[in-house]
Amino acid sequence: MAGLEGHENDLAATLPMGLRQRLALGCALVHKPRVLFLDEPTSGVDPLGRRAFWDILFNLSRVDGVAMLVTTHYMSEAEHCDHLALMFA
């Protein structure tokens, strides 16, 4: 799911940021939660990795029925969400 093939023997600290974020998501999903809280899950991830990450989140939401609360600084990412809350000051 997270696209970590070929990195099974790598230490998490040696992985690029995008792969570390996907590893963190995989760890969060081990116990199959019904609700997932993600604090800036694509922070430090390149644009292509960010798109792939959101594809994973979309699949979790739409196919697996996982409810998510996501924080982000990117309005383009917020567009993927069903509901939106903005914080000011």
Protein backbone atom coordinates (compact mmCIF):
# COMPACT_ATOMS: atom_id res chain seq x y z
CA MET A 1 0.00 0.00 0.00
CA ALA A 2 2.72 2.46 0.90
CA GLY A 3 5.06 1.59 -1.97
CA LEU A 4 8.01 0.67 0.23
CA GLU A 5 9.09 -2.37 -1.80
CA GLY A 6 12.85 -2.72 -1.84
CA HIS A 7 13.27 -0.85 1.47
CA GLU A 8 12.41 -3.70 3.84
CA ASN A 9 15.92 -3.77 5.33
CA ASP A 10 16.51 0.01 5.43
CA LEU A 11 16.49 1.92 8.69
CA ALA A 12 13.63 4.42 8.89
CA ALA A 13 16.10 7.24 9.58
CA THR A 14 17.85 6.58 6.25
CA LEU A 15 14.67 6.78 4.14
CA PRO A 16 13.83 9.93 2.16
CA MET A 17 11.13 12.09 3.79
CA GLY A 18 8.40 10.93 1.41
CA LEU A 19 9.03 7.29 2.20
CA ARG A 20 9.23 8.03 5.92
CA GLN A 21 5.83 9.71 5.78
CA ARG A 22 4.36 6.68 3.97
CA LEU A 23 5.99 4.38 6.53
CA ALA A 24 4.38 6.44 9.30
CA LEU A 25 1.00 6.08 7.60
CA GLY A 26 1.52 2.32 7.30
CA CYS A 27 2.33 2.13 11.02
CA ALA A 28 -0.82 4.12 11.82
CA LEU A 29 -2.89 1.67 9.79
CA VAL A 30 -1.57 -1.56 11.34
CA HIS A 31 -4.46 -1.80 13.78
CA LYS A 32 -7.06 -0.90 11.09
CA PRO A 33 -8.44 2.28 12.71
CA ARG A 34 -11.87 3.61 11.84
CA VAL A 35 -10.69 7.18 12.48
CA LEU A 36 -7.28 8.54 11.52
CA PHE A 37 -5.74 11.86 12.64
CA LEU A 38 -2.98 13.07 10.31
CA ASP A 39 -0.97 16.18 11.17
CA GLU A 40 0.57 17.54 7.96
CA PRO A 41 1.16 14.07 6.49
CA THR A 42 2.82 15.41 3.32
CA SER A 43 5.16 17.87 5.00
CA GLY A 44 8.58 17.59 3.36
CA VAL A 45 7.29 15.38 0.55
CA ASP A 46 7.99 16.24 -3.10
CA PRO A 47 5.00 17.10 -5.36
CA LEU A 48 4.86 13.65 -7.00
CA GLY A 49 5.09 11.92 -3.64
CA ARG A 50 2.40 14.24 -2.29
CA ARG A 51 0.05 13.21 -5.11
CA ALA A 52 0.71 9.52 -4.45
CA PHE A 53 0.12 10.05 -0.73
CA TRP A 54 -3.24 11.67 -1.39
CA ASP A 55 -4.19 8.79 -3.69
CA ILE A 56 -3.58 6.46 -0.74
CA LEU A 57 -5.64 8.67 1.59
CA PHE A 58 -8.47 8.92 -0.94
CA ASN A 59 -8.58 5.12 -1.27
CA LEU A 60 -8.60 4.69 2.51
CA SER A 61 -11.48 7.12 2.80
CA ARG A 62 -13.63 6.03 -0.14
CA VAL A 63 -12.95 2.29 -0.30
CA ASP A 64 -12.07 1.33 3.27
CA GLY A 65 -14.37 3.85 4.98
CA VAL A 66 -11.70 5.36 7.22
CA ALA A 67 -12.69 8.76 8.60
CA MET A 68 -9.80 11.24 8.63
CA LEU A 69 -8.94 14.56 10.15
CA VAL A 70 -6.05 16.09 8.23
CA THR A 71 -4.15 19.29 8.94
CA THR A 72 -2.31 20.96 6.07
CA HIS A 73 -0.83 24.27 4.99
CA TYR A 74 -1.57 23.46 1.35
CA MET A 75 -4.93 24.66 0.06
CA SER A 76 -4.54 22.40 -2.98
CA GLU A 77 -4.56 19.45 -0.56
CA ALA A 78 -7.54 20.82 1.36
CA GLU A 79 -9.51 20.62 -1.90
CA HIS A 80 -9.40 16.82 -1.60
CA CYS A 81 -11.37 16.91 1.65
CA ASP A 82 -15.14 16.62 2.05
CA HIS A 83 -15.33 19.16 4.88
CA LEU A 84 -13.03 22.06 5.65
CA ALA A 85 -12.27 24.15 8.71
CA LEU A 86 -9.92 27.13 8.56
CA MET A 87 -7.89 28.48 11.46
CA PHE A 88 -6.99 32.15 11.69
CA ALA A 89 -4.57 33.68 14.19
